[in-house]
Amino acid sequence: MELPFKPSYVSSSSHESTSLQVALFQFMTDLHRFAIDCVTN
C-alpha cells in the first residue's frame, strides 16, 4: 500500500500519484466545506 503523500521528487516522476494527490485534496476540501455547512446551519 502506497502513502497518499510522497516527496516531490517521487511525485514528479509519477504522473499517477500526482493526480491521486489532487483528487484526495479536492475530496478533503469538499468534505471540509460540507462539515462547515453542517455546523453553520
Protein backbone atom coordinates (compact mmCIF):
# COMPACT_ATOMS: atom_id res chain seq x y z
CA MET A 1 0.00 0.00 0.00
CA GLU A 2 1.34 3.38 -1.02
CA LEU A 3 1.35 6.51 1.08
CA PRO A 4 -1.11 9.17 -0.09
CA PHE A 5 1.65 11.78 0.00
CA LYS A 6 5.16 11.34 -1.37
CA PRO A 7 8.20 13.59 -1.63
CA SER A 8 8.05 16.00 -4.57
CA TYR A 9 10.88 14.25 -6.43
CA VAL A 10 8.91 10.99 -6.36
CA SER A 11 5.64 12.62 -7.37
CA SER A 12 7.23 14.43 -10.31
CA SER A 13 8.39 11.13 -11.79
CA SER A 14 4.98 9.52 -11.36
CA HIS A 15 2.01 11.22 -13.00
CA GLU A 16 -0.46 8.83 -11.41
CA SER A 17 0.41 9.63 -7.80
CA THR A 18 0.18 13.36 -8.52
CA SER A 19 -3.34 13.07 -9.88
CA LEU A 20 -4.22 10.94 -6.87
CA GLN A 21 -2.99 13.70 -4.55
CA VAL A 22 -5.12 16.25 -6.41
CA ALA A 23 -8.20 14.04 -6.19
CA LEU A 24 -7.59 13.46 -2.48
CA PHE A 25 -7.09 17.17 -1.88
CA GLN A 26 -10.34 18.02 -3.68
CA PHE A 27 -12.18 15.36 -1.70
CA MET A 28 -10.86 16.73 1.60
CA THR A 29 -11.82 20.27 0.54
CA ASP A 30 -15.38 19.19 -0.27
CA LEU A 31 -15.60 17.25 2.98
CA HIS A 32 -14.36 20.28 4.93
CA ARG A 33 -16.90 22.54 3.22
CA PHE A 34 -19.68 20.06 3.94
CA ALA A 35 -18.69 19.94 7.61
CA ILE A 36 -18.78 23.74 7.84
CA ASP A 37 -22.26 23.77 6.27
CA CYS A 38 -23.48 21.26 8.85
CA VAL A 39 -22.10 23.35 11.72
CA THR A 40 -23.35 26.72 10.49
CA ASN A 41 -26.86 25.55 9.60
